[in-house]
Amino acid sequence: MSESELLTRIGEVQFVCVELNLYLDTHPADAAARTDYLSYSGLLAQLISEYEREYGPLMGFGHSQAEEGCWVCSKWPWEKR
């Protein structure tokens, strides 16, 4: 999967996770929605891990592990076209 395809897929799965989370706020007993949320959140973690292995960290401030200097050595997101 190319970098842009992977970023697009991450955005799609993040959207699903947010929507399911909002739904579960008002329907906490919905077991099927909870199962879907856990499935999609696992997929999201997997996609983010894949992206970070290939292209570097997505988030700073301790949310993504990065080797020292990784931010400086990689292109900025707007330069990656």
PDB file of N, CA and C in Angstrom:
ATOM      1  N   MET A   1       0.851  -1.172   0.000  1.00  0.00           N
ATOM      2  CA  MET A   1       0.000   0.000   0.000  1.00  0.00           C
ATOM      3  C   MET A   1       0.900   1.240   0.000  1.00  0.00           C
ATOM      4  N   SER A   2       0.603   2.200  -0.852  1.00  0.00           N
ATOM      5  CA  SER A   2       1.401   3.426  -0.905  1.00  0.00           C
ATOM      6  C   SER A   2       1.133   4.282   0.336  1.00  0.00           C
ATOM      7  N   GLU A   3       1.986   5.285   0.537  1.00  0.00           N
ATOM      8  CA  GLU A   3       1.822   6.153   1.703  1.00  0.00           C
ATOM      9  C   GLU A   3       0.474   6.859   1.696  1.00  0.00           C
ATOM     10  N   SER A   4       0.088   7.410   0.562  1.00  0.00           N
ATOM     11  CA  SER A   4      -1.190   8.140   0.507  1.00  0.00           C
ATOM     12  C   SER A   4      -2.376   7.191   0.694  1.00  0.00           C
ATOM     13  N   GLU A   5      -2.289   5.974   0.152  1.00  0.00           N
ATOM     14  CA  GLU A   5      -3.367   5.001   0.349  1.00  0.00           C
ATOM     15  C   GLU A   5      -3.474   4.603   1.818  1.00  0.00           C
ATOM     16  N   LEU A   6      -2.328   4.443   2.465  1.00  0.00           N
ATOM     17  CA  LEU A   6      -2.317   4.072   3.873  1.00  0.00           C
ATOM     18  C   LEU A   6      -2.886   5.192   4.738  1.00  0.00           C
ATOM     19  N   LEU A   7      -2.517   6.436   4.444  1.00  0.00           N
ATOM     20  CA  LEU A   7      -3.072   7.574   5.187  1.00  0.00           C
ATOM     21  C   LEU A   7      -4.586   7.678   4.990  1.00  0.00           C
ATOM     22  N   THR A   8      -5.042   7.444   3.781  1.00  0.00           N
ATOM     23  CA  THR A   8      -6.480   7.465   3.501  1.00  0.00           C
ATOM     24  C   THR A   8      -7.194   6.380   4.293  1.00  0.00           C
ATOM     25  N   ARG A   9      -6.633   5.194   4.302  1.00  0.00           N
ATOM     26  CA  ARG A   9      -7.247   4.085   5.044  1.00  0.00           C
ATOM     27  C   ARG A   9      -7.268   4.376   6.543  1.00  0.00           C
ATOM     28  N   ILE A  10      -6.180   4.957   7.064  1.00  0.00           N
ATOM     29  CA  ILE A  10      -6.141   5.335   8.481  1.00  0.00           C
ATOM     30  C   ILE A  10      -7.254   6.332   8.786  1.00  0.00           C
ATOM     31  N   GLY A  11      -7.439   7.319   7.928  1.00  0.00           N
ATOM     32  CA  GLY A  11      -8.498   8.308   8.122  1.00  0.00           C
ATOM     33  C   GLY A  11      -9.880   7.679   8.104  1.00  0.00           C
ATOM     34  N   GLU A  12     -10.087   6.726   7.208  1.00  0.00           N
ATOM     35  CA  GLU A  12     -11.388   6.049   7.136  1.00  0.00           C
ATOM     36  C   GLU A  12     -11.676   5.261   8.412  1.00  0.00           C
ATOM     37  N   VAL A  13     -10.683   4.524   8.878  1.00  0.00           N
ATOM     38  CA  VAL A  13     -10.879   3.696  10.064  1.00  0.00           C
ATOM     39  C   VAL A  13     -11.014   4.571  11.312  1.00  0.00           C
ATOM     40  N   GLN A  14     -10.285   5.690  11.363  1.00  0.00           N
ATOM     41  CA  GLN A  14     -10.450   6.628  12.477  1.00  0.00           C
ATOM     42  C   GLN A  14     -11.880   7.158  12.516  1.00  0.00           C
ATOM     43  N   PHE A  15     -12.423   7.483  11.367  1.00  0.00           N
ATOM     44  CA  PHE A  15     -13.795   7.977  11.291  1.00  0.00           C
ATOM     45  C   PHE A  15     -14.776   6.942  11.850  1.00  0.00           C
ATOM     46  N   VAL A  16     -14.613   5.690  11.449  1.00  0.00           N
ATOM     47  CA  VAL A  16     -15.489   4.629  11.940  1.00  0.00           C
ATOM     48  C   VAL A  16     -15.369   4.507  13.455  1.00  0.00           C
ATOM     49  N   CYS A  17     -14.133   4.571  13.974  1.00  0.00           N
ATOM     50  CA  CYS A  17     -13.931   4.462  15.424  1.00  0.00           C
ATOM     51  C   CYS A  17     -14.607   5.605  16.177  1.00  0.00           C
ATOM     52  N   VAL A  18     -14.493   6.809  15.668  1.00  0.00           N
ATOM     53  CA  VAL A  18     -15.128   7.954  16.325  1.00  0.00           C
ATOM     54  C   VAL A  18     -16.651   7.797  16.313  1.00  0.00           C
ATOM     55  N   GLU A  19     -17.194   7.417  15.178  1.00  0.00           N
ATOM     56  CA  GLU A  19     -18.648   7.260  15.081  1.00  0.00           C
ATOM     57  C   GLU A  19     -19.156   6.148  15.998  1.00  0.00           C
ATOM     58  N   LEU A  20     -18.456   5.034  16.025  1.00  0.00           N
ATOM     59  CA  LEU A  20     -18.865   3.947  16.923  1.00  0.00           C
ATOM     60  C   LEU A  20     -18.737   4.360  18.389  1.00  0.00           C
ATOM     61  N   ASN A  21     -17.700   5.112  18.703  1.00  0.00           N
ATOM     62  CA  ASN A  21     -17.524   5.597  20.073  1.00  0.00           C
ATOM     63  C   ASN A  21     -18.681   6.511  20.472  1.00  0.00           C
ATOM     64  N   LEU A  22     -19.070   7.407  19.591  1.00  0.00           N
ATOM     65  CA  LEU A  22     -20.208   8.291  19.871  1.00  0.00           C
ATOM     66  C   LEU A  22     -21.496   7.491  20.041  1.00  0.00           C
ATOM     67  N   TYR A  23     -21.701   6.516  19.185  1.00  0.00           N
ATOM     68  CA  TYR A  23     -22.885   5.663  19.287  1.00  0.00           C
ATOM     69  C   TYR A  23     -22.908   4.921  20.619  1.00  0.00           C
ATOM     70  N   LEU A  24     -21.749   4.381  21.009  1.00  0.00           N
ATOM     71  CA  LEU A  24     -21.678   3.629  22.267  1.00  0.00           C
ATOM     72  C   LEU A  24     -21.884   4.517  23.492  1.00  0.00           C
ATOM     73  N   ASP A  25     -21.626   5.814  23.352  1.00  0.00           N
ATOM     74  CA  ASP A  25     -21.911   6.733  24.456  1.00  0.00           C
ATOM     75  C   ASP A  25     -23.398   6.755  24.794  1.00  0.00           C
ATOM     76  N   THR A  26     -24.236   6.577  23.788  1.00  0.00           N
ATOM     77  CA  THR A  26     -25.685   6.623  24.010  1.00  0.00           C
ATOM     78  C   THR A  26     -26.334   5.242  23.999  1.00  0.00           C
ATOM     79  N   HIS A  27     -25.579   4.210  23.566  1.00  0.00           N
ATOM     80  CA  HIS A  27     -26.102   2.843  23.504  1.00  0.00           C
ATOM     81  C   HIS A  27     -25.063   1.870  24.079  1.00  0.00           C
ATOM     82  N   PRO A  28     -24.729   2.016  25.354  1.00  0.00           N
ATOM     83  CA  PRO A  28     -23.636   1.226  25.929  1.00  0.00           C
ATOM     84  C   PRO A  28     -23.903  -0.277  26.000  1.00  0.00           C
ATOM     85  N   ALA A  29     -25.132  -0.694  25.885  1.00  0.00           N
ATOM     86  CA  ALA A  29     -25.455  -2.123  25.978  1.00  0.00           C
ATOM     87  C   ALA A  29     -25.435  -2.827  24.623  1.00  0.00           C
ATOM     88  N   ASP A  30     -25.145  -2.111  23.547  1.00  0.00           N
ATOM     89  CA  ASP A  30     -25.145  -2.701  22.205  1.00  0.00           C
ATOM     90  C   ASP A  30     -23.867  -3.518  22.008  1.00  0.00           C
ATOM     91  N   ALA A  31     -23.985  -4.833  22.204  1.00  0.00           N
ATOM     92  CA  ALA A  31     -22.827  -5.725  22.134  1.00  0.00           C
ATOM     93  C   ALA A  31     -22.214  -5.771  20.728  1.00  0.00           C
ATOM     94  N   ALA A  32     -23.044  -5.724  19.703  1.00  0.00           N
ATOM     95  CA  ALA A  32     -22.531  -5.768  18.330  1.00  0.00           C
ATOM     96  C   ALA A  32     -21.695  -4.528  18.019  1.00  0.00           C
ATOM     97  N   ALA A  33     -22.166  -3.368  18.454  1.00  0.00           N
ATOM     98  CA  ALA A  33     -21.417  -2.132  18.231  1.00  0.00           C
ATOM     99  C   ALA A  33     -20.101  -2.150  19.004  1.00  0.00           C
ATOM    100  N   ARG A  34     -20.129  -2.683  20.219  1.00  0.00           N
ATOM    101  CA  ARG A  34     -18.902  -2.791  21.023  1.00  0.00           C
ATOM    102  C   ARG A  34     -17.895  -3.715  20.327  1.00  0.00           C
ATOM    103  N   THR A  35     -18.371  -4.827  19.788  1.00  0.00           N
ATOM    104  CA  THR A  35     -17.508  -5.757  19.056  1.00  0.00           C
ATOM    105  C   THR A  35     -16.904  -5.081  17.830  1.00  0.00           C
ATOM    106  N   ASP A  36     -17.735  -4.346  17.095  1.00  0.00           N
ATOM    107  CA  ASP A  36     -17.240  -3.609  15.928  1.00  0.00           C
ATOM    108  C   ASP A  36     -16.197  -2.577  16.334  1.00  0.00           C
ATOM    109  N   TYR A  37     -16.466  -1.857  17.431  1.00  0.00           N
ATOM    110  CA  TYR A  37     -15.524  -0.838  17.894  1.00  0.00           C
ATOM    111  C   TYR A  37     -14.171  -1.468  18.233  1.00  0.00           C
ATOM    112  N   LEU A  38     -14.190  -2.565  18.957  1.00  0.00           N
ATOM    113  CA  LEU A  38     -12.939  -3.228  19.321  1.00  0.00           C
ATOM    114  C   LEU A  38     -12.198  -3.736  18.090  1.00  0.00           C
ATOM    115  N   SER A  39     -12.931  -4.235  17.124  1.00  0.00           N
ATOM    116  CA  SER A  39     -12.327  -4.713  15.882  1.00  0.00           C
ATOM    117  C   SER A  39     -11.674  -3.570  15.104  1.00  0.00           C
ATOM    118  N   TYR A  40     -12.420  -2.478  14.934  1.00  0.00           N
ATOM    119  CA  TYR A  40     -11.886  -1.340  14.181  1.00  0.00           C
ATOM    120  C   TYR A  40     -10.759  -0.630  14.921  1.00  0.00           C
ATOM    121  N   SER A  41     -10.824  -0.577  16.239  1.00  0.00           N
ATOM    122  CA  SER A  41      -9.739   0.076  16.973  1.00  0.00           C
ATOM    123  C   SER A  41      -8.460  -0.759  16.880  1.00  0.00           C
ATOM    124  N   GLY A  42      -8.594  -2.072  16.855  1.00  0.00           N
ATOM    125  CA  GLY A  42      -7.431  -2.937  16.631  1.00  0.00           C
ATOM    126  C   GLY A  42      -6.851  -2.753  15.245  1.00  0.00           C
ATOM    127  N   LEU A  43      -7.732  -2.657  14.242  1.00  0.00           N
ATOM    128  CA  LEU A  43      -7.289  -2.408  12.874  1.00  0.00           C
ATOM    129  C   LEU A  43      -6.583  -1.060  12.771  1.00  0.00           C
ATOM    130  N   LEU A  44      -7.119  -0.048  13.444  1.00  0.00           N
ATOM    131  CA  LEU A  44      -6.503   1.278  13.428  1.00  0.00           C
ATOM    132  C   LEU A  44      -5.095   1.234  14.014  1.00  0.00           C
ATOM    133  N   ALA A  45      -4.936   0.564  15.128  1.00  0.00           N
ATOM    134  CA  ALA A  45      -3.605   0.444  15.745  1.00  0.00           C
ATOM    135  C   ALA A  45      -2.637  -0.266  14.803  1.00  0.00           C
ATOM    136  N   GLN A  46      -3.125  -1.282  14.116  1.00  0.00           N
ATOM    137  CA  GLN A  46      -2.298  -2.024  13.170  1.00  0.00           C
ATOM    138  C   GLN A  46      -1.884  -1.135  11.987  1.00  0.00           C
ATOM    139  N   LEU A  47      -2.818  -0.371  11.451  1.00  0.00           N
ATOM    140  CA  LEU A  47      -2.514   0.514  10.316  1.00  0.00           C
ATOM    141  C   LEU A  47      -1.528   1.613  10.714  1.00  0.00           C
ATOM    142  N   ILE A  48      -1.720   2.190  11.900  1.00  0.00           N
ATOM    143  CA  ILE A  48      -0.805   3.231  12.374  1.00  0.00           C
ATOM    144  C   ILE A  48       0.587   2.647  12.575  1.00  0.00           C
ATOM    145  N   SER A  49       0.664   1.470  13.137  1.00  0.00           N
ATOM    146  CA  SER A  49       1.956   0.808  13.338  1.00  0.00           C
ATOM    147  C   SER A  49       2.647   0.556  12.003  1.00  0.00           C
ATOM    148  N   GLU A  50       1.885   0.090  11.030  1.00  0.00           N
ATOM    149  CA  GLU A  50       2.437  -0.147   9.686  1.00  0.00           C
ATOM    150  C   GLU A  50       2.952   1.151   9.076  1.00  0.00           C
ATOM    151  N   TYR A  51       2.151   2.218   9.182  1.00  0.00           N
ATOM    152  CA  TYR A  51       2.567   3.502   8.629  1.00  0.00           C
ATOM    153  C   TYR A  51       3.864   3.977   9.283  1.00  0.00           C
ATOM    154  N   GLU A  52       3.923   3.909  10.608  1.00  0.00           N
ATOM    155  CA  GLU A  52       5.085   4.416  11.329  1.00  0.00           C
ATOM    156  C   GLU A  52       6.339   3.592  11.060  1.00  0.00           C
ATOM    157  N   ARG A  53       6.181   2.294  10.811  1.00  0.00           N
ATOM    158  CA  ARG A  53       7.328   1.464  10.434  1.00  0.00           C
ATOM    159  C   ARG A  53       7.893   1.898   9.087  1.00  0.00           C
ATOM    160  N   GLU A  54       7.012   2.217   8.159  1.00  0.00           N
ATOM    161  CA  GLU A  54       7.425   2.546   6.802  1.00  0.00           C
ATOM    162  C   GLU A  54       7.799   4.013   6.599  1.00  0.00           C
ATOM    163  N   TYR A  55       7.057   4.938   7.234  1.00  0.00           N
ATOM    164  CA  TYR A  55       7.168   6.351   6.877  1.00  0.00           C
ATOM    165  C   TYR A  55       7.497   7.285   8.036  1.00  0.00           C
ATOM    166  N   GLY A  56       7.553   6.784   9.255  1.00  0.00           N
ATOM    167  CA  GLY A  56       7.862   7.636  10.398  1.00  0.00           C
ATOM    168  C   GLY A  56       6.626   7.946  11.213  1.00  0.00           C
ATOM    169  N   PRO A  57       6.823   8.659  12.325  1.00  0.00           N
ATOM    170  CA  PRO A  57       5.721   8.896  13.270  1.00  0.00           C
ATOM    171  C   PRO A  57       4.626   9.800  12.696  1.00  0.00           C
ATOM    172  N   LEU A  58       3.402   9.533  13.124  1.00  0.00           N
ATOM    173  CA  LEU A  58       2.253  10.353  12.731  1.00  0.00           C
ATOM    174  C   LEU A  58       1.991  11.475  13.731  1.00  0.00           C
ATOM    175  N   MET A  59       2.308  11.236  15.007  1.00  0.00           N
ATOM    176  CA  MET A  59       2.018  12.217  16.047  1.00  0.00           C
ATOM    177  C   MET A  59       3.249  12.421  16.914  1.00  0.00           C
ATOM    178  N   GLY A  60       3.358  13.616  17.468  1.00  0.00           N
ATOM    179  CA  GLY A  60       4.449  13.910  18.378  1.00  0.00           C
ATOM    180  C   GLY A  60       3.997  13.867  19.825  1.00  0.00           C
ATOM    181  N   PHE A  61       4.773  14.476  20.684  1.00  0.00           N
ATOM    182  CA  PHE A  61       4.446  14.620  22.104  1.00  0.00           C
ATOM    183  C   PHE A  61       4.243  13.285  22.798  1.00  0.00           C
ATOM    184  N   GLY A  62       5.051  12.269  22.421  1.00  0.00           N
ATOM    185  CA  GLY A  62       5.007  10.990  23.083  1.00  0.00           C
ATOM    186  C   GLY A  62       3.931  10.042  22.606  1.00  0.00           C
ATOM    187  N   HIS A  63       3.126  10.430  21.628  1.00  0.00           N
ATOM    188  CA  HIS A  63       2.068   9.554  21.131  1.00  0.00           C
ATOM    189  C   HIS A  63       2.592   8.524  20.145  1.00  0.00           C
ATOM    190  N   SER A  64       3.714   8.825  19.498  1.00  0.00           N
ATOM    191  CA  SER A  64       4.327   7.896  18.566  1.00  0.00           C
ATOM    192  C   SER A  64       5.786   7.722  18.943  1.00  0.00           C
ATOM    193  N   GLN A  65       6.238   6.497  18.927  1.00  0.00           N
ATOM    194  CA  GLN A  65       7.638   6.264  19.201  1.00  0.00           C
ATOM    195  C   GLN A  65       8.442   6.630  17.961  1.00  0.00           C
ATOM    196  N   ALA A  66       9.569   7.281  18.161  1.00  0.00           N
ATOM    197  CA  ALA A  66      10.420   7.671  17.044  1.00  0.00           C
ATOM    198  C   ALA A  66      11.867   7.619  17.489  1.00  0.00           C
ATOM    199  N   GLU A  67      12.705   7.223  16.545  1.00  0.00           N
ATOM    200  CA  GLU A  67      14.121   7.253  16.843  1.00  0.00           C
ATOM    201  C   GLU A  67      14.573   8.709  16.889  1.00  0.00           C
ATOM    202  N   GLU A  68      15.651   8.954  17.608  1.00  0.00           N
ATOM    203  CA  GLU A  68      16.160  10.316  17.726  1.00  0.00           C
ATOM    204  C   GLU A  68      16.462  10.866  16.333  1.00  0.00           C
ATOM    205  N   GLY A  69      16.029  12.068  16.063  1.00  0.00           N
ATOM    206  CA  GLY A  69      16.299  12.718  14.784  1.00  0.00           C
ATOM    207  C   GLY A  69      15.349  12.345  13.675  1.00  0.00           C
ATOM    208  N   CYS A  70      14.402  11.455  13.948  1.00  0.00           N
ATOM    209  CA  CYS A  70      13.498  10.985  12.904  1.00  0.00           C
ATOM    210  C   CYS A  70      12.676  12.123  12.308  1.00  0.00           C
ATOM    211  N   TRP A  71      12.236  13.061  13.155  1.00  0.00           N
ATOM    212  CA  TRP A  71      11.437  14.181  12.657  1.00  0.00           C
ATOM    213  C   TRP A  71      12.240  15.054  11.712  1.00  0.00           C
ATOM    214  N   VAL A  72      13.496  15.235  12.022  1.00  0.00           N
ATOM    215  CA  VAL A  72      14.336  16.126  11.227  1.00  0.00           C
ATOM    216  C   VAL A  72      14.696  15.499   9.890  1.00  0.00           C
ATOM    217  N   CYS A  73      14.903  14.187   9.882  1.00  0.00           N
ATOM    218  CA  CYS A  73      15.372  13.493   8.683  1.00  0.00           C
ATOM    219  C   CYS A  73      14.270  13.191   7.677  1.00  0.00           C
ATOM    220  N   SER A  74      13.035  13.163   8.106  1.00  0.00           N
ATOM    221  CA  SER A  74      11.952  12.849   7.185  1.00  0.00           C
ATOM    222  C   SER A  74      11.332  14.132   6.639  1.00  0.00           C
ATOM    223  N   LYS A  75      10.636  13.968   5.503  1.00  0.00           N
ATOM    224  CA  LYS A  75       9.954  15.113   4.908  1.00  0.00           C
ATOM    225  C   LYS A  75       8.747  15.489   5.753  1.00  0.00           C
ATOM    226  N   TRP A  76       8.359  16.753   5.692  1.00  0.00           N
ATOM    227  CA  TRP A  76       7.140  17.215   6.341  1.00  0.00           C
ATOM    228  C   TRP A  76       5.942  16.677   5.560  1.00  0.00           C
ATOM    229  N   PRO A  77       4.782  16.517   6.203  1.00  0.00           N
ATOM    230  CA  PRO A  77       3.628  15.929   5.515  1.00  0.00           C
ATOM    231  C   PRO A  77       3.280  16.628   4.203  1.00  0.00           C
ATOM    232  N   TRP A  78       3.406  17.936   4.122  1.00  0.00           N
ATOM    233  CA  TRP A  78       3.043  18.650   2.899  1.00  0.00           C
ATOM    234  C   TRP A  78       4.117  18.503   1.816  1.00  0.00           C
ATOM    235  N   GLU A  79       5.283  17.974   2.153  1.00  0.00           N
ATOM    236  CA  GLU A  79       6.334  17.744   1.171  1.00  0.00           C
ATOM    237  C   GLU A  79       6.263  16.344   0.583  1.00  0.00           C
ATOM    238  N   LYS A  80       5.403  15.489   1.085  1.00  0.00           N
ATOM    239  CA  LYS A  80       5.350  14.080   0.709  1.00  0.00           C
ATOM    240  C   LYS A  80       4.410  13.841  -0.457  1.00  0.00           C
ATOM    241  N   ARG A  81       4.527  14.587  -1.468  1.00  0.00           N
ATOM    242  CA  ARG A  81       3.660  14.362  -2.642  1.00  0.00           C
ATOM    243  C   ARG A  81       4.463  13.942  -3.812  1.00  0.00           C
TER     244      ARG A  81
END
